[in-house]
Amino acid sequence: MDFNELVKAKKESGMSTTEALLSASQEIVVVKEQELVEVAADIPVHVKRLPINEIVRLVKIDKTKWGVEPESVSSRWLVNYIRHKLTSYDSLIEENLQGRIGREQAYTLLRDRMLEEIGNVYPELRSEVLKQRHSEPNTRTKSSI
């Protein structure tokens, strides 16, 4: 049922125009949120496997571009690098979630699915993956979706 039909049905059931508009809007939002979560659940996630020492080298190069000269590389940096550089994570968010109703729930689901796959492909990073899965997503990232 489209929005106008929903409003009409609610008005016919005795709601005022304001009540019908508010109620119909809330119902549409719930439906759109559910639909987007289903989209996020169905998106295929793939993680490219490289030797871990190669990823360490690439992270150091990447950090140097940002003005950081790391002597060592944390597991967090490795997982983040893999998620953003060795998957289609960022483009999946941009193409499927950005600007849509329900994006925060769908983003969290996609992020968790991607992290789970990173843990499968890189079992040596599984403990860091679990930490990131159980932490709140970065609010800066969430606000940009």
N, C-alpha and C. Protein backbone atom coordinates (compact mmCIF):
# COMPACT_ATOMS: atom_id res chain seq x y z
N MET A 1 0.85 -1.18 0.00
CA MET A 1 0.00 0.00 0.00
C MET A 1 0.89 1.24 0.00
N ASP A 2 0.56 2.20 -0.85
CA ASP A 2 1.37 3.42 -0.89
C ASP A 2 0.91 4.38 0.22
N PHE A 3 1.66 5.43 0.40
CA PHE A 3 1.45 6.36 1.50
C PHE A 3 0.05 6.98 1.46
N ASN A 4 -0.37 7.49 0.30
CA ASN A 4 -1.68 8.14 0.20
C ASN A 4 -2.82 7.18 0.50
N GLU A 5 -2.70 5.95 0.01
CA GLU A 5 -3.74 4.95 0.30
C GLU A 5 -3.78 4.64 1.80
N LEU A 6 -2.62 4.58 2.42
CA LEU A 6 -2.54 4.31 3.85
C LEU A 6 -3.19 5.44 4.65
N VAL A 7 -2.89 6.69 4.28
CA VAL A 7 -3.48 7.85 4.95
C VAL A 7 -5.01 7.81 4.80
N LYS A 8 -5.47 7.53 3.58
CA LYS A 8 -6.92 7.48 3.32
C LYS A 8 -7.58 6.41 4.18
N ALA A 9 -6.98 5.24 4.25
CA ALA A 9 -7.55 4.15 5.06
C ALA A 9 -7.60 4.53 6.54
N LYS A 10 -6.58 5.19 7.02
CA LYS A 10 -6.55 5.60 8.42
C LYS A 10 -7.59 6.67 8.71
N LYS A 11 -7.77 7.60 7.78
CA LYS A 11 -8.80 8.64 7.96
C LYS A 11 -10.20 8.00 7.95
N GLU A 12 -10.38 7.00 7.08
CA GLU A 12 -11.67 6.31 7.02
C GLU A 12 -11.95 5.53 8.30
N SER A 13 -10.87 5.15 9.02
CA SER A 13 -11.06 4.42 10.28
C SER A 13 -11.34 5.36 11.45
N GLY A 14 -11.39 6.67 11.16
CA GLY A 14 -11.76 7.61 12.20
C GLY A 14 -10.64 8.51 12.68
N MET A 15 -9.45 8.37 12.16
CA MET A 15 -8.34 9.24 12.57
C MET A 15 -8.49 10.62 11.93
N SER A 16 -7.97 11.63 12.64
CA SER A 16 -7.91 12.96 12.05
C SER A 16 -6.83 12.94 10.95
N THR A 17 -6.81 13.97 10.13
CA THR A 17 -5.81 14.04 9.06
C THR A 17 -4.40 14.02 9.65
N THR A 18 -4.19 14.78 10.72
CA THR A 18 -2.87 14.84 11.35
C THR A 18 -2.47 13.47 11.91
N GLU A 19 -3.41 12.82 12.59
CA GLU A 19 -3.12 11.49 13.15
C GLU A 19 -2.85 10.48 12.04
N ALA A 20 -3.64 10.55 10.98
CA ALA A 20 -3.47 9.62 9.85
C ALA A 20 -2.12 9.83 9.17
N LEU A 21 -1.72 11.08 8.98
CA LEU A 21 -0.43 11.37 8.35
C LEU A 21 0.72 10.86 9.22
N LEU A 22 0.64 11.13 10.52
CA LEU A 22 1.70 10.69 11.43
C LEU A 22 1.79 9.17 11.48
N SER A 23 0.65 8.53 11.64
CA SER A 23 0.63 7.07 11.73
C SER A 23 1.13 6.42 10.44
N ALA A 24 0.67 6.93 9.30
CA ALA A 24 1.10 6.39 8.01
C ALA A 24 2.60 6.59 7.82
N SER A 25 3.10 7.75 8.20
CA SER A 25 4.55 8.03 8.08
C SER A 25 5.35 7.04 8.91
N GLN A 26 4.92 6.80 10.13
CA GLN A 26 5.64 5.87 11.01
C GLN A 26 5.64 4.47 10.43
N GLU A 27 4.51 4.04 9.87
CA GLU A 27 4.44 2.70 9.28
C GLU A 27 5.35 2.57 8.07
N ILE A 28 5.38 3.60 7.24
CA ILE A 28 6.23 3.58 6.04
C ILE A 28 7.70 3.51 6.44
N VAL A 29 8.08 4.26 7.47
CA VAL A 29 9.47 4.24 7.94
C VAL A 29 9.86 2.84 8.39
N VAL A 30 9.01 2.18 9.15
CA VAL A 30 9.30 0.82 9.62
C VAL A 30 9.48 -0.13 8.44
N VAL A 31 8.60 -0.03 7.45
CA VAL A 31 8.70 -0.90 6.27
C VAL A 31 10.01 -0.64 5.53
N LYS A 32 10.34 0.64 5.32
CA LYS A 32 11.57 0.98 4.59
C LYS A 32 12.81 0.52 5.36
N GLU A 33 12.79 0.65 6.69
CA GLU A 33 13.92 0.17 7.50
C GLU A 33 14.10 -1.34 7.33
N GLN A 34 12.99 -2.06 7.41
CA GLN A 34 13.05 -3.52 7.25
C GLN A 34 13.56 -3.91 5.87
N GLU A 35 13.09 -3.22 4.85
CA GLU A 35 13.53 -3.51 3.48
C GLU A 35 15.04 -3.29 3.33
N LEU A 36 15.55 -2.21 3.90
CA LEU A 36 16.98 -1.92 3.76
C LEU A 36 17.83 -2.91 4.55
N VAL A 37 17.35 -3.34 5.70
CA VAL A 37 18.07 -4.36 6.47
C VAL A 37 18.13 -5.66 5.66
N GLU A 38 17.04 -5.98 4.98
CA GLU A 38 17.03 -7.18 4.13
C GLU A 38 18.04 -7.04 2.99
N VAL A 39 18.14 -5.84 2.42
CA VAL A 39 19.14 -5.59 1.37
C VAL A 39 20.54 -5.84 1.93
N ALA A 40 20.82 -5.28 3.10
CA ALA A 40 22.15 -5.45 3.72
C ALA A 40 22.44 -6.90 4.04
N ALA A 41 21.42 -7.65 4.40
CA ALA A 41 21.61 -9.07 4.71
C ALA A 41 21.92 -9.90 3.46
N ASP A 42 21.45 -9.43 2.31
CA ASP A 42 21.63 -10.18 1.07
C ASP A 42 22.85 -9.77 0.25
N ILE A 43 23.51 -8.68 0.63
CA ILE A 43 24.68 -8.21 -0.12
C ILE A 43 25.82 -9.21 0.06
N PRO A 44 26.37 -9.73 -1.04
CA PRO A 44 27.52 -10.63 -0.90
C PRO A 44 28.75 -9.87 -0.40
N VAL A 45 29.44 -10.45 0.57
CA VAL A 45 30.67 -9.83 1.08
C VAL A 45 31.85 -10.73 0.75
N HIS A 46 32.90 -10.12 0.23
CA HIS A 46 34.11 -10.85 -0.14
C HIS A 46 35.32 -10.11 0.42
N VAL A 47 36.27 -10.87 0.90
CA VAL A 47 37.49 -10.30 1.46
C VAL A 47 38.67 -10.92 0.72
N LYS A 48 39.53 -10.06 0.20
CA LYS A 48 40.72 -10.51 -0.52
C LYS A 48 41.77 -10.97 0.50
N ARG A 49 42.38 -12.11 0.24
CA ARG A 49 43.43 -12.64 1.13
C ARG A 49 44.79 -12.26 0.57
N LEU A 50 45.59 -11.59 1.40
CA LEU A 50 47.00 -11.30 1.11
C LEU A 50 47.81 -11.82 2.29
N PRO A 51 49.09 -12.09 2.09
CA PRO A 51 49.93 -12.46 3.24
C PRO A 51 49.92 -11.32 4.27
N ILE A 52 49.87 -11.68 5.53
CA ILE A 52 49.75 -10.68 6.58
C ILE A 52 50.92 -9.69 6.58
N ASN A 53 52.13 -10.18 6.25
CA ASN A 53 53.27 -9.26 6.20
C ASN A 53 53.13 -8.23 5.08
N GLU A 54 52.44 -8.59 4.02
CA GLU A 54 52.16 -7.64 2.93
C GLU A 54 51.17 -6.57 3.41
N ILE A 55 50.19 -6.98 4.18
CA ILE A 55 49.21 -6.01 4.70
C ILE A 55 49.91 -5.06 5.68
N VAL A 56 50.79 -5.59 6.51
CA VAL A 56 51.55 -4.73 7.43
C VAL A 56 52.31 -3.68 6.63
N ARG A 57 52.97 -4.10 5.56
CA ARG A 57 53.72 -3.17 4.71
C ARG A 57 52.79 -2.11 4.11
N LEU A 58 51.63 -2.53 3.63
CA LEU A 58 50.68 -1.61 3.03
C LEU A 58 50.10 -0.63 4.06
N VAL A 59 49.85 -1.11 5.27
CA VAL A 59 49.34 -0.23 6.33
C VAL A 59 50.38 0.83 6.66
N LYS A 60 51.65 0.44 6.75
CA LYS A 60 52.71 1.42 7.04
C LYS A 60 52.77 2.49 5.95
N ILE A 61 52.67 2.07 4.70
CA ILE A 61 52.66 3.04 3.59
C ILE A 61 51.46 3.95 3.71
N ASP A 62 50.30 3.38 3.99
CA ASP A 62 49.07 4.15 4.11
C ASP A 62 49.16 5.15 5.26
N LYS A 63 49.68 4.73 6.40
CA LYS A 63 49.79 5.61 7.56
C LYS A 63 50.79 6.73 7.29
N THR A 64 51.86 6.42 6.55
CA THR A 64 52.86 7.44 6.21
C THR A 64 52.23 8.56 5.39
N LYS A 65 51.29 8.20 4.51
CA LYS A 65 50.59 9.21 3.71
C LYS A 65 49.81 10.18 4.59
N TRP A 66 49.43 9.73 5.79
CA TRP A 66 48.68 10.56 6.73
C TRP A 66 49.60 11.24 7.75
N GLY A 67 50.90 11.14 7.52
CA GLY A 67 51.85 11.81 8.40
C GLY A 67 52.22 11.02 9.64
N VAL A 68 51.90 9.74 9.67
CA VAL A 68 52.24 8.89 10.81
C VAL A 68 53.36 7.95 10.37
N GLU A 69 54.39 7.86 11.18
CA GLU A 69 55.52 6.97 10.88
C GLU A 69 55.51 5.82 11.90
N PRO A 70 54.68 4.79 11.66
CA PRO A 70 54.56 3.73 12.67
C PRO A 70 55.78 2.80 12.68
N GLU A 71 56.23 2.48 13.90
CA GLU A 71 57.27 1.46 14.05
C GLU A 71 56.62 0.08 14.01
N SER A 72 55.44 0.00 14.59
CA SER A 72 54.70 -1.26 14.57
C SER A 72 53.27 -0.97 14.10
N VAL A 73 52.55 -2.00 13.80
CA VAL A 73 51.20 -1.86 13.27
C VAL A 73 50.26 -2.65 14.18
N SER A 74 49.20 -2.00 14.63
CA SER A 74 48.25 -2.67 15.52
C SER A 74 47.30 -3.56 14.72
N SER A 75 46.74 -4.53 15.41
CA SER A 75 45.74 -5.41 14.79
C SER A 75 44.53 -4.60 14.33
N ARG A 76 44.20 -3.58 15.08
CA ARG A 76 43.08 -2.71 14.70
C ARG A 76 43.33 -2.07 13.34
N TRP A 77 44.53 -1.54 13.15
CA TRP A 77 44.87 -0.94 11.86
C TRP A 77 44.78 -1.97 10.75
N LEU A 78 45.24 -3.19 11.02
CA LEU A 78 45.20 -4.24 10.00
C LEU A 78 43.76 -4.55 9.59
N VAL A 79 42.90 -4.75 10.58
CA VAL A 79 41.49 -5.07 10.28
C VAL A 79 40.83 -3.92 9.54
N ASN A 80 41.09 -2.69 10.00
CA ASN A 80 40.50 -1.53 9.33
C ASN A 80 41.00 -1.41 7.88
N TYR A 81 42.29 -1.64 7.69
CA TYR A 81 42.85 -1.58 6.34
C TYR A 81 42.19 -2.63 5.45
N ILE A 82 42.08 -3.84 5.96
CA ILE A 82 41.46 -4.92 5.18
C ILE A 82 40.02 -4.53 4.82
N ARG A 83 39.28 -4.04 5.80
CA ARG A 83 37.86 -3.70 5.56
C ARG A 83 37.72 -2.60 4.51
N HIS A 84 38.58 -1.61 4.56
CA HIS A 84 38.43 -0.48 3.65
C HIS A 84 39.19 -0.62 2.33
N LYS A 85 40.24 -1.43 2.30
CA LYS A 85 41.07 -1.51 1.09
C LYS A 85 41.00 -2.86 0.37
N LEU A 86 40.66 -3.93 1.08
CA LEU A 86 40.67 -5.26 0.46
C LEU A 86 39.26 -5.84 0.32
N THR A 87 38.26 -4.99 0.47
CA THR A 87 36.87 -5.38 0.25
C THR A 87 36.18 -4.25 -0.51
N SER A 88 34.95 -4.48 -0.86
CA SER A 88 34.16 -3.42 -1.50
C SER A 88 33.24 -2.74 -0.49
N TYR A 89 33.63 -2.80 0.79
CA TYR A 89 32.84 -2.28 1.91
C TYR A 89 32.35 -0.85 1.68
N ASP A 90 33.27 0.07 1.39
CA ASP A 90 32.89 1.47 1.24
C ASP A 90 31.95 1.68 0.05
N SER A 91 32.22 1.03 -1.06
CA SER A 91 31.33 1.20 -2.22
C SER A 91 29.98 0.53 -1.98
N LEU A 92 29.96 -0.58 -1.23
CA LEU A 92 28.68 -1.21 -0.90
C LEU A 92 27.81 -0.27 -0.07
N ILE A 93 28.43 0.42 0.88
CA ILE A 93 27.69 1.38 1.70
C ILE A 93 27.16 2.51 0.82
N GLU A 94 28.05 3.06 0.00
CA GLU A 94 27.66 4.19 -0.85
C GLU A 94 26.55 3.81 -1.83
N GLU A 95 26.67 2.66 -2.44
CA GLU A 95 25.72 2.25 -3.48
C GLU A 95 24.38 1.76 -2.91
N ASN A 96 24.40 1.17 -1.72
CA ASN A 96 23.20 0.52 -1.22
C ASN A 96 22.54 1.19 -0.01
N LEU A 97 23.30 1.93 0.79
CA LEU A 97 22.76 2.41 2.05
C LEU A 97 22.69 3.93 2.17
N GLN A 98 23.62 4.61 1.56
CA GLN A 98 23.77 6.04 1.79
C GLN A 98 22.48 6.81 1.50
N GLY A 99 22.05 7.59 2.50
CA GLY A 99 20.90 8.47 2.34
C GLY A 99 19.54 7.78 2.41
N ARG A 100 19.49 6.50 2.76
CA ARG A 100 18.21 5.78 2.77
C ARG A 100 17.70 5.59 4.19
N ILE A 101 16.40 5.50 4.32
CA ILE A 101 15.77 5.23 5.61
C ILE A 101 16.17 3.84 6.07
N GLY A 102 16.64 3.75 7.32
CA GLY A 102 17.07 2.47 7.88
C GLY A 102 18.55 2.21 7.71
N ARG A 103 19.28 3.21 7.23
CA ARG A 103 20.70 3.00 6.90
C ARG A 103 21.54 2.64 8.13
N GLU A 104 21.21 3.17 9.31
CA GLU A 104 22.04 2.88 10.48
C GLU A 104 21.96 1.40 10.86
N GLN A 105 20.76 0.84 10.86
CA GLN A 105 20.63 -0.58 11.17
C GLN A 105 21.28 -1.44 10.09
N ALA A 106 21.06 -1.06 8.84
CA ALA A 106 21.64 -1.82 7.73
C ALA A 106 23.17 -1.70 7.73
N TYR A 107 23.68 -0.51 8.05
CA TYR A 107 25.13 -0.30 8.14
C TYR A 107 25.74 -1.21 9.20
N THR A 108 25.11 -1.26 10.36
CA THR A 108 25.64 -2.10 11.45
C THR A 108 25.66 -3.57 11.02
N LEU A 109 24.60 -4.01 10.37
CA LEU A 109 24.54 -5.40 9.88
C LEU A 109 25.64 -5.66 8.86
N LEU A 110 25.79 -4.77 7.88
CA LEU A 110 26.81 -4.95 6.85
C LEU A 110 28.22 -4.92 7.46
N ARG A 111 28.45 -4.01 8.37
CA ARG A 111 29.75 -3.91 9.05
C ARG A 111 30.05 -5.22 9.78
N ASP A 112 29.07 -5.74 10.52
CA ASP A 112 29.28 -6.98 11.26
C ASP A 112 29.52 -8.16 10.32
N ARG A 113 28.79 -8.21 9.22
CA ARG A 113 28.98 -9.29 8.26
C ARG A 113 30.37 -9.22 7.63
N MET A 114 30.82 -7.99 7.32
CA MET A 114 32.14 -7.81 6.73
C MET A 114 33.22 -8.21 7.74
N LEU A 115 33.06 -7.79 8.99
CA LEU A 115 34.04 -8.16 10.02
C LEU A 115 34.07 -9.67 10.21
N GLU A 116 32.92 -10.31 10.20
CA GLU A 116 32.87 -11.76 10.35
C GLU A 116 33.65 -12.44 9.22
N GLU A 117 33.47 -11.95 8.01
CA GLU A 117 34.19 -12.54 6.87
C GLU A 117 35.70 -12.28 6.97
N ILE A 118 36.08 -11.10 7.46
CA ILE A 118 37.51 -10.83 7.68
C ILE A 118 38.07 -11.85 8.68
N GLY A 119 37.33 -12.12 9.75
CA GLY A 119 37.77 -13.12 10.72
C GLY A 119 37.88 -14.51 10.13
N ASN A 120 37.02 -14.83 9.16
CA ASN A 120 37.10 -16.14 8.50
C ASN A 120 38.32 -16.23 7.58
N VAL A 121 38.58 -15.15 6.85
CA VAL A 121 39.68 -15.14 5.88
C VAL A 121 41.02 -14.94 6.58
N TYR A 122 41.02 -14.18 7.67
CA TYR A 122 42.23 -13.89 8.43
C TYR A 122 42.04 -14.36 9.88
N PRO A 123 42.08 -15.66 10.12
CA PRO A 123 41.84 -16.16 11.48
C PRO A 123 42.84 -15.61 12.50
N GLU A 124 44.01 -15.21 12.05
CA GLU A 124 45.00 -14.63 12.96
C GLU A 124 44.57 -13.27 13.51
N LEU A 125 43.53 -12.67 12.91
CA LEU A 125 43.02 -11.38 13.36
C LEU A 125 41.64 -11.51 14.03
N ARG A 126 41.22 -12.73 14.27
CA ARG A 126 39.87 -12.97 14.80
C ARG A 126 39.60 -12.25 16.12
N SER A 127 40.59 -12.20 17.02
CA SER A 127 40.34 -11.54 18.31
C SER A 127 40.07 -10.05 18.11
N GLU A 128 40.79 -9.41 17.20
CA GLU A 128 40.53 -7.99 16.92
C GLU A 128 39.18 -7.81 16.23
N VAL A 129 38.85 -8.73 15.35
CA VAL A 129 37.54 -8.68 14.69
C VAL A 129 36.42 -8.74 15.73
N LEU A 130 36.57 -9.63 16.70
CA LEU A 130 35.55 -9.74 17.75
C LEU A 130 35.45 -8.46 18.56
N LYS A 131 36.58 -7.83 18.85
CA LYS A 131 36.55 -6.55 19.57
C LYS A 131 35.78 -5.51 18.78
N GLN A 132 36.07 -5.43 17.50
CA GLN A 132 35.40 -4.42 16.67
C GLN A 132 33.92 -4.72 16.49
N ARG A 133 33.57 -5.99 16.41
CA ARG A 133 32.16 -6.35 16.26
C ARG A 133 31.37 -6.00 17.51
N HIS A 134 32.02 -6.02 18.65
CA HIS A 134 31.32 -5.73 19.90
C HIS A 134 31.49 -4.29 20.35
N SER A 135 32.10 -3.46 19.52
CA SER A 135 32.22 -2.04 19.84
C SER A 135 31.21 -1.27 19.01
N GLU A 136 30.89 -0.08 19.48
CA GLU A 136 29.95 0.78 18.76
C GLU A 136 30.63 1.28 17.49
N PRO A 137 29.92 1.24 16.35
CA PRO A 137 30.50 1.79 15.12
C PRO A 137 30.88 3.25 15.31
N ASN A 138 31.89 3.66 14.61
CA ASN A 138 32.38 5.03 14.66
C ASN A 138 31.26 6.00 14.30
N THR A 139 30.97 6.95 15.19
CA THR A 139 29.87 7.89 14.93
C THR A 139 30.14 8.77 13.72
N ARG A 140 31.41 9.06 13.45
CA ARG A 140 31.75 9.86 12.26
C ARG A 140 31.37 9.09 11.01
N THR A 141 31.65 7.80 10.98
CA THR A 141 31.30 6.96 9.83
C THR A 141 29.79 6.85 9.70
N LYS A 142 29.10 6.61 10.81
CA LYS A 142 27.66 6.46 10.75
C LYS A 142 26.97 7.72 10.26
N SER A 143 27.48 8.87 10.64
CA SER A 143 26.83 10.12 10.22
C SER A 143 27.03 10.41 8.74
N SER A 144 28.03 9.78 8.13
CA SER A 144 28.28 10.05 6.71
C SER A 144 27.52 9.11 5.78
N ILE A 145 26.82 8.14 6.33
CA ILE A 145 26.11 7.21 5.48
C ILE A 145 24.71 7.69 5.13
